[in-house]
Every structure is written in structure tokens, then in C-alpha cells.
């Protein structure tokens, strides 16, 4: 890891940002499809910040997951 961090900082940022899905439902809907198309077979959910956990799961269930279930 230290070798990675000692390299190009933009590469480190890209490695963190590429697999992360975050944003409004409209921004998020297409990202899981792109990850699945790239060969990802599991997607973990980590709502953040935790004090809005229930609201985030409701939004995920209502506005994002229905789009993924069409696959």
C-alpha cells in the first residue's frame, strides 16, 4: 500500500473513486450496471453517515434497486 501511496496521487484517487457509487438516485442508478458489466458479482452497501441510515436504505430500495432488478 505504501508503494501505491508514494506513486501518482491521481492514480490513488482513481483507485478509490472508480468502485465507489455515491450521489443522488439519478447519479447512482447507472453505476452498479457499469460495475456488473465489468465483472463485479457483488456490491456492498455502506450508508454514510450512519445517522441517516434508514433514509438511505429507503431511497436505495425505492429509487435504485428497482432499476437493478430489471437486469
PDB file of N, CA and C in Angstrom:
ATOM      1  N   UNK A   1       0.821  -1.188   0.000  1.00  0.00           N
ATOM      2  CA  UNK A   1       0.000   0.000   0.000  1.00  0.00           C
ATOM      3  C   UNK A   1       0.861   1.247   0.000  1.00  0.00           C
ATOM      4  N   UNK A   2       1.937   1.249   0.768  1.00  0.00           N
ATOM      5  CA  UNK A   2       2.777   2.446   0.820  1.00  0.00           C
ATOM      6  C   UNK A   2       3.393   2.729  -0.543  1.00  0.00           C
ATOM      7  N   UNK A   3       3.699   1.685  -1.317  1.00  0.00           N
ATOM      8  CA  UNK A   3       4.237   1.909  -2.662  1.00  0.00           C
ATOM      9  C   UNK A   3       3.202   2.589  -3.540  1.00  0.00           C
ATOM     10  N   UNK A   4       1.953   2.204  -3.387  1.00  0.00           N
ATOM     11  CA  UNK A   4       0.878   2.837  -4.147  1.00  0.00           C
ATOM     12  C   UNK A   4       0.738   4.300  -3.753  1.00  0.00           C
ATOM     13  N   UNK A   5       0.734   4.572  -2.470  1.00  0.00           N
ATOM     14  CA  UNK A   5       0.565   5.936  -1.990  1.00  0.00           C
ATOM     15  C   UNK A   5       1.747   6.825  -2.357  1.00  0.00           C
ATOM     16  N   UNK A   6       2.929   6.233  -2.524  1.00  0.00           N
ATOM     17  CA  UNK A   6       4.110   7.009  -2.883  1.00  0.00           C
ATOM     18  C   UNK A   6       4.113   7.358  -4.374  1.00  0.00           C
ATOM     19  N   UNK A   7       3.251   6.711  -5.152  1.00  0.00           N
ATOM     20  CA  UNK A   7       3.186   6.950  -6.593  1.00  0.00           C
ATOM     21  C   UNK A   7       2.362   8.175  -6.929  1.00  0.00           C
ATOM     22  N   UNK A   8       1.803   8.145  -8.105  1.00  0.00           N
ATOM     23  CA  UNK A   8       0.989   9.239  -8.631  1.00  0.00           C
ATOM     24  C   UNK A   8      -0.289   9.381  -7.799  1.00  0.00           C
ATOM     25  N   UNK A   9      -0.484  10.527  -7.117  1.00  0.00           N
ATOM     26  CA  UNK A   9      -1.679  10.700  -6.283  1.00  0.00           C
ATOM     27  C   UNK A   9      -2.979  10.594  -7.073  1.00  0.00           C
ATOM     28  N   UNK A  10      -2.986  11.003  -8.330  1.00  0.00           N
ATOM     29  CA  UNK A  10      -4.217  10.921  -9.105  1.00  0.00           C
ATOM     30  C   UNK A  10      -4.606   9.460  -9.348  1.00  0.00           C
ATOM     31  N   UNK A  11      -3.621   8.587  -9.445  1.00  0.00           N
ATOM     32  CA  UNK A  11      -3.901   7.148  -9.605  1.00  0.00           C
ATOM     33  C   UNK A  11      -4.534   6.599  -8.334  1.00  0.00           C
ATOM     34  N   UNK A  12      -4.051   7.029  -7.189  1.00  0.00           N
ATOM     35  CA  UNK A  12      -4.619   6.583  -5.923  1.00  0.00           C
ATOM     36  C   UNK A  12      -6.065   7.036  -5.816  1.00  0.00           C
ATOM     37  N   UNK A  13      -6.344   8.283  -6.164  1.00  0.00           N
ATOM     38  CA  UNK A  13      -7.713   8.803  -6.125  1.00  0.00           C
ATOM     39  C   UNK A  13      -8.593   8.002  -7.064  1.00  0.00           C
ATOM     40  N   UNK A  14      -8.119   7.707  -8.265  1.00  0.00           N
ATOM     41  CA  UNK A  14      -8.904   6.941  -9.231  1.00  0.00           C
ATOM     42  C   UNK A  14      -9.216   5.542  -8.700  1.00  0.00           C
ATOM     43  N   UNK A  15      -8.271   4.921  -8.025  1.00  0.00           N
ATOM     44  CA  UNK A  15      -8.495   3.578  -7.499  1.00  0.00           C
ATOM     45  C   UNK A  15      -9.550   3.577  -6.405  1.00  0.00           C
ATOM     46  N   UNK A  16      -9.663   4.680  -5.689  1.00  0.00           N
ATOM     47  CA  UNK A  16     -10.682   4.786  -4.652  1.00  0.00           C
ATOM     48  C   UNK A  16     -12.020   5.183  -5.268  1.00  0.00           C
ATOM     49  N   UNK A  17     -12.030   6.122  -6.192  1.00  0.00           N
ATOM     50  CA  UNK A  17     -13.269   6.638  -6.756  1.00  0.00           C
ATOM     51  C   UNK A  17     -13.948   5.685  -7.734  1.00  0.00           C
ATOM     52  N   UNK A  18     -13.194   4.931  -8.516  1.00  0.00           N
ATOM     53  CA  UNK A  18     -13.793   4.098  -9.553  1.00  0.00           C
ATOM     54  C   UNK A  18     -14.813   3.098  -9.015  1.00  0.00           C
ATOM     55  N   UNK A  19     -14.527   2.375  -7.940  1.00  0.00           N
ATOM     56  CA  UNK A  19     -15.518   1.402  -7.483  1.00  0.00           C
ATOM     57  C   UNK A  19     -16.587   1.976  -6.551  1.00  0.00           C
ATOM     58  N   UNK A  20     -16.497   3.252  -6.206  1.00  0.00           N
ATOM     59  CA  UNK A  20     -17.437   3.851  -5.265  1.00  0.00           C
ATOM     60  C   UNK A  20     -18.659   4.359  -6.007  1.00  0.00           C
ATOM     61  N   UNK A  21     -19.825   4.059  -5.467  1.00  0.00           N
ATOM     62  CA  UNK A  21     -21.081   4.546  -6.017  1.00  0.00           C
ATOM     63  C   UNK A  21     -21.696   5.452  -4.968  1.00  0.00           C
ATOM     64  N   UNK A  22     -21.824   6.732  -5.295  1.00  0.00           N
ATOM     65  CA  UNK A  22     -22.376   7.695  -4.343  1.00  0.00           C
ATOM     66  C   UNK A  22     -23.055   8.815  -5.102  1.00  0.00           C
ATOM     67  N   UNK A  23     -24.054   9.411  -4.487  1.00  0.00           N
ATOM     68  CA  UNK A  23     -24.732  10.544  -5.090  1.00  0.00           C
ATOM     69  C   UNK A  23     -26.239  10.415  -4.975  1.00  0.00           C
ATOM     70  N   UNK A  24     -26.936  11.227  -5.746  1.00  0.00           N
ATOM     71  CA  UNK A  24     -28.398  11.176  -5.770  1.00  0.00           C
ATOM     72  C   UNK A  24     -28.832   9.888  -6.471  1.00  0.00           C
ATOM     73  N   UNK A  25     -30.079   9.478  -6.304  1.00  0.00           N
ATOM     74  CA  UNK A  25     -30.532   8.276  -7.013  1.00  0.00           C
ATOM     75  C   UNK A  25     -30.287   8.359  -8.525  1.00  0.00           C
ATOM     76  N   UNK A  26     -30.496   9.531  -9.104  1.00  0.00           N
ATOM     77  CA  UNK A  26     -30.274   9.706 -10.536  1.00  0.00           C
ATOM     78  C   UNK A  26     -28.813   9.482 -10.912  1.00  0.00           C
ATOM     79  N   UNK A  27     -27.898   9.901 -10.039  1.00  0.00           N
ATOM     80  CA  UNK A  27     -26.474   9.726 -10.291  1.00  0.00           C
ATOM     81  C   UNK A  27     -26.027   8.289 -10.061  1.00  0.00           C
ATOM     82  N   UNK A  28     -26.706   7.597  -9.177  1.00  0.00           N
ATOM     83  CA  UNK A  28     -26.284   6.265  -8.748  1.00  0.00           C
ATOM     84  C   UNK A  28     -26.805   5.151  -9.657  1.00  0.00           C
ATOM     85  N   UNK A  29     -27.969   5.337 -10.249  1.00  0.00           N
ATOM     86  CA  UNK A  29     -28.647   4.253 -10.965  1.00  0.00           C
ATOM     87  C   UNK A  29     -27.754   3.541 -11.987  1.00  0.00           C
ATOM     88  N   UNK A  30     -26.991   4.243 -12.780  1.00  0.00           N
ATOM     89  CA  UNK A  30     -26.191   3.604 -13.819  1.00  0.00           C
ATOM     90  C   UNK A  30     -24.890   2.979 -13.353  1.00  0.00           C
ATOM     91  N   UNK A  31     -24.367   3.410 -12.218  1.00  0.00           N
ATOM     92  CA  UNK A  31     -23.059   2.919 -11.760  1.00  0.00           C
ATOM     93  C   UNK A  31     -23.036   1.428 -11.439  1.00  0.00           C
ATOM     94  N   UNK A  32     -24.022   0.891 -10.717  1.00  0.00           N
ATOM     95  CA  UNK A  32     -23.967  -0.554 -10.469  1.00  0.00           C
ATOM     96  C   UNK A  32     -23.997  -1.358 -11.768  1.00  0.00           C
ATOM     97  N   UNK A  33     -24.759  -0.921 -12.757  1.00  0.00           N
ATOM     98  CA  UNK A  33     -24.777  -1.618 -14.044  1.00  0.00           C
ATOM     99  C   UNK A  33     -23.389  -1.647 -14.657  1.00  0.00           C
ATOM    100  N   UNK A  34     -22.692  -0.520 -14.609  1.00  0.00           N
ATOM    101  CA  UNK A  34     -21.341  -0.462 -15.172  1.00  0.00           C
ATOM    102  C   UNK A  34     -20.401  -1.399 -14.428  1.00  0.00           C
ATOM    103  N   UNK A  35     -20.526  -1.462 -13.117  1.00  0.00           N
ATOM    104  CA  UNK A  35     -19.682  -2.367 -12.334  1.00  0.00           C
ATOM    105  C   UNK A  35     -20.015  -3.823 -12.638  1.00  0.00           C
ATOM    106  N   UNK A  36     -21.299  -4.144 -12.740  1.00  0.00           N
ATOM    107  CA  UNK A  36     -21.701  -5.514 -13.066  1.00  0.00           C
ATOM    108  C   UNK A  36     -21.225  -5.897 -14.461  1.00  0.00           C
ATOM    109  N   UNK A  37     -21.329  -4.965 -15.410  1.00  0.00           N
ATOM    110  CA  UNK A  37     -20.848  -5.230 -16.767  1.00  0.00           C
ATOM    111  C   UNK A  37     -19.340  -5.460 -16.796  1.00  0.00           C
ATOM    112  N   UNK A  38     -18.630  -4.863 -15.837  1.00  0.00           N
ATOM    113  CA  UNK A  38     -17.178  -5.020 -15.765  1.00  0.00           C
ATOM    114  C   UNK A  38     -16.777  -6.316 -15.066  1.00  0.00           C
ATOM    115  N   UNK A  39     -17.763  -7.079 -14.582  1.00  0.00           N
ATOM    116  CA  UNK A  39     -17.449  -8.359 -13.972  1.00  0.00           C
ATOM    117  C   UNK A  39     -17.633  -8.444 -12.471  1.00  0.00           C
ATOM    118  N   UNK A  40     -18.040  -7.360 -11.843  1.00  0.00           N
ATOM    119  CA  UNK A  40     -18.297  -7.393 -10.402  1.00  0.00           C
ATOM    120  C   UNK A  40     -19.493  -8.308 -10.154  1.00  0.00           C
ATOM    121  N   UNK A  41     -19.385  -9.205  -9.173  1.00  0.00           N
ATOM    122  CA  UNK A  41     -20.512 -10.087  -8.906  1.00  0.00           C
ATOM    123  C   UNK A  41     -21.180  -9.832  -7.558  1.00  0.00           C
ATOM    124  N   UNK A  42     -20.643  -8.879  -6.809  1.00  0.00           N
ATOM    125  CA  UNK A  42     -21.242  -8.490  -5.528  1.00  0.00           C
ATOM    126  C   UNK A  42     -21.015  -7.000  -5.323  1.00  0.00           C
ATOM    127  N   UNK A  43     -22.024  -6.371  -4.754  1.00  0.00           N
ATOM    128  CA  UNK A  43     -21.910  -4.948  -4.422  1.00  0.00           C
ATOM    129  C   UNK A  43     -22.274  -4.800  -2.954  1.00  0.00           C
ATOM    130  N   UNK A  44     -21.370  -4.197  -2.185  1.00  0.00           N
ATOM    131  CA  UNK A  44     -21.624  -3.947  -0.775  1.00  0.00           C
ATOM    132  C   UNK A  44     -22.260  -2.581  -0.590  1.00  0.00           C
ATOM    133  N   UNK A  45     -23.071  -2.473   0.429  1.00  0.00           N
ATOM    134  CA  UNK A  45     -23.745  -1.201   0.729  1.00  0.00           C
ATOM    135  C   UNK A  45     -23.257  -0.717   2.084  1.00  0.00           C
ATOM    136  N   UNK A  46     -22.760   0.502   2.096  1.00  0.00           N
ATOM    137  CA  UNK A  46     -22.267   1.104   3.334  1.00  0.00           C
ATOM    138  C   UNK A  46     -22.825   2.520   3.418  1.00  0.00           C
ATOM    139  N   UNK A  47     -24.037   2.667   3.971  1.00  0.00           N
ATOM    140  CA  UNK A  47     -24.620   4.005   4.093  1.00  0.00           C
ATOM    141  C   UNK A  47     -23.759   4.886   4.994  1.00  0.00           C
ATOM    142  N   UNK A  48     -23.561   6.111   4.559  1.00  0.00           N
ATOM    143  CA  UNK A  48     -22.728   7.047   5.315  1.00  0.00           C
ATOM    144  C   UNK A  48     -23.290   8.439   5.124  1.00  0.00           C
ATOM    145  N   UNK A  49     -23.471   9.221   6.089  1.00  0.00           N
ATOM    146  CA  UNK A  49     -23.220   8.989   7.515  1.00  0.00           C
ATOM    147  C   UNK A  49     -24.301   8.099   8.125  1.00  0.00           C
ATOM    148  N   UNK A  50     -23.937   7.422   9.191  1.00  0.00           N
ATOM    149  CA  UNK A  50     -24.812   6.405   9.763  1.00  0.00           C
ATOM    150  C   UNK A  50     -26.094   6.964  10.367  1.00  0.00           C
ATOM    151  N   UNK A  51     -26.119   8.237  10.726  1.00  0.00           N
ATOM    152  CA  UNK A  51     -27.342   8.780  11.326  1.00  0.00           C
ATOM    153  C   UNK A  51     -28.486   8.890  10.309  1.00  0.00           C
ATOM    154  N   UNK A  52     -28.185   8.789   9.020  1.00  0.00           N
ATOM    155  CA  UNK A  52     -29.241   8.812   8.007  1.00  0.00           C
ATOM    156  C   UNK A  52     -29.414   7.436   7.352  1.00  0.00           C
ATOM    157  N   UNK A  53     -29.006   6.391   8.067  1.00  0.00           N
ATOM    158  CA  UNK A  53     -29.024   5.020   7.566  1.00  0.00           C
ATOM    159  C   UNK A  53     -30.405   4.605   7.045  1.00  0.00           C
ATOM    160  N   UNK A  54     -31.443   4.781   7.854  1.00  0.00           N
ATOM    161  CA  UNK A  54     -32.788   4.329   7.474  1.00  0.00           C
ATOM    162  C   UNK A  54     -33.274   5.050   6.223  1.00  0.00           C
ATOM    163  N   UNK A  55     -33.065   6.346   6.149  1.00  0.00           N
ATOM    164  CA  UNK A  55     -33.481   7.106   4.976  1.00  0.00           C
ATOM    165  C   UNK A  55     -32.730   6.695   3.724  1.00  0.00           C
ATOM    166  N   UNK A  56     -31.446   6.411   3.876  1.00  0.00           N
ATOM    167  CA  UNK A  56     -30.656   5.984   2.719  1.00  0.00           C
ATOM    168  C   UNK A  56     -31.101   4.618   2.219  1.00  0.00           C
ATOM    169  N   UNK A  57     -31.411   3.701   3.126  1.00  0.00           N
ATOM    170  CA  UNK A  57     -31.887   2.383   2.710  1.00  0.00           C
ATOM    171  C   UNK A  57     -33.251   2.472   2.041  1.00  0.00           C
ATOM    172  N   UNK A  58     -34.103   3.362   2.532  1.00  0.00           N
ATOM    173  CA  UNK A  58     -35.409   3.573   1.899  1.00  0.00           C
ATOM    174  C   UNK A  58     -35.235   4.109   0.486  1.00  0.00           C
ATOM    175  N   UNK A  59     -34.371   5.096   0.319  1.00  0.00           N
ATOM    176  CA  UNK A  59     -34.101   5.655  -1.014  1.00  0.00           C
ATOM    177  C   UNK A  59     -33.510   4.591  -1.925  1.00  0.00           C
ATOM    178  N   UNK A  60     -32.586   3.813  -1.412  1.00  0.00           N
ATOM    179  CA  UNK A  60     -31.985   2.734  -2.193  1.00  0.00           C
ATOM    180  C   UNK A  60     -33.067   1.750  -2.663  1.00  0.00           C
ATOM    181  N   UNK A  61     -33.918   1.331  -1.737  1.00  0.00           N
ATOM    182  CA  UNK A  61     -34.964   0.356  -2.062  1.00  0.00           C
ATOM    183  C   UNK A  61     -35.990   0.921  -3.040  1.00  0.00           C
ATOM    184  N   UNK A  62     -36.359   2.181  -2.862  1.00  0.00           N
ATOM    185  CA  UNK A  62     -37.414   2.776  -3.692  1.00  0.00           C
ATOM    186  C   UNK A  62     -36.926   3.273  -5.046  1.00  0.00           C
ATOM    187  N   UNK A  63     -35.724   3.847  -5.078  1.00  0.00           N
ATOM    188  CA  UNK A  63     -35.296   4.600  -6.265  1.00  0.00           C
ATOM    189  C   UNK A  63     -34.127   4.002  -7.034  1.00  0.00           C
ATOM    190  N   UNK A  64     -33.398   3.049  -6.452  1.00  0.00           N
ATOM    191  CA  UNK A  64     -32.232   2.497  -7.130  1.00  0.00           C
ATOM    192  C   UNK A  64     -32.416   1.013  -7.448  1.00  0.00           C
ATOM    193  N   UNK A  65     -32.744   0.213  -6.451  1.00  0.00           N
ATOM    194  CA  UNK A  65     -32.825  -1.229  -6.649  1.00  0.00           C
ATOM    195  C   UNK A  65     -33.823  -1.650  -7.732  1.00  0.00           C
ATOM    196  N   UNK A  66     -34.969  -0.982  -7.872  1.00  0.00           N
ATOM    197  CA  UNK A  66     -35.871  -1.395  -8.950  1.00  0.00           C
ATOM    198  C   UNK A  66     -35.203  -1.357 -10.338  1.00  0.00           C
ATOM    199  N   UNK A  67     -34.269  -0.441 -10.541  1.00  0.00           N
ATOM    200  CA  UNK A  67     -33.562  -0.362 -11.818  1.00  0.00           C
ATOM    201  C   UNK A  67     -32.607  -1.547 -11.986  1.00  0.00           C
ATOM    202  N   UNK A  68     -32.012  -2.000 -10.900  1.00  0.00           N
ATOM    203  CA  UNK A  68     -31.086  -3.135 -10.967  1.00  0.00           C
ATOM    204  C   UNK A  68     -31.830  -4.453 -11.132  1.00  0.00           C
ATOM    205  N   UNK A  69     -33.013  -4.536 -10.583  1.00  0.00           N
ATOM    206  CA  UNK A  69     -33.771  -5.775 -10.656  1.00  0.00           C
ATOM    207  C   UNK A  69     -34.248  -6.092 -12.067  1.00  0.00           C
ATOM    208  N   UNK A  70     -34.153  -5.146 -12.964  1.00  0.00           N
ATOM    209  CA  UNK A  70     -34.551  -5.371 -14.355  1.00  0.00           C
ATOM    210  C   UNK A  70     -33.492  -6.135 -15.131  1.00  0.00           C
ATOM    211  N   UNK A  71     -32.312  -6.287 -14.578  1.00  0.00           N
ATOM    212  CA  UNK A  71     -31.209  -6.984 -15.279  1.00  0.00           C
ATOM    213  C   UNK A  71     -31.501  -8.438 -15.461  1.00  0.00           C
TER     214      UNK A  71
END
